[in-house]
């Protein structure tokens, strides 16, 4: 794990961009949720109170346009997030392959005879690909979860103490 961390820390700029994209997607997701809640509240008020349907439809149209814009920006941010995560995981896998190669060059003839060539090929391809895929999935999914939790709690806090009791 230390070695993987060492390879990751070489990509500070990419990691910062990835974290920024993840925070941006979470913030937009929570903002979109607030617009959905607003539309739901307006629908309830139309059925229970005397709000004109024209005012309701105008507000619904405005909220829908804003939600579509938010979703488009979220899609672009998700694509950027996947791009940065892919670049990071591919470059880390490349560094791991280079480290395996450098280590193999230091082996003595006896060690080379003890380790079979198919085993070396498997280690330098299959295992590294598995690490690369796991790293990509971790960077794209698990990275945004803490931000989503914090954002959700802040969203509940902004709505009032009655909802906080549900947590």
Foldseek 3Di string as FASTA:
>chain_A
DVLLVVLLVVPVVLLVLLLVLLLLLLVLVVVLVVLVVVLVVLVVCVVVHPDDVVVNVVSVVVSVVVSVVSVVVSVVSLVSNLVSLLVSLVSSLVVVLVVLVVVVVPDDPVVCVVDDPVNSVCVSPVVSVVSSVVSSCCSNPVSNVVSNVVVVVVSQVVVHDVSVVVD
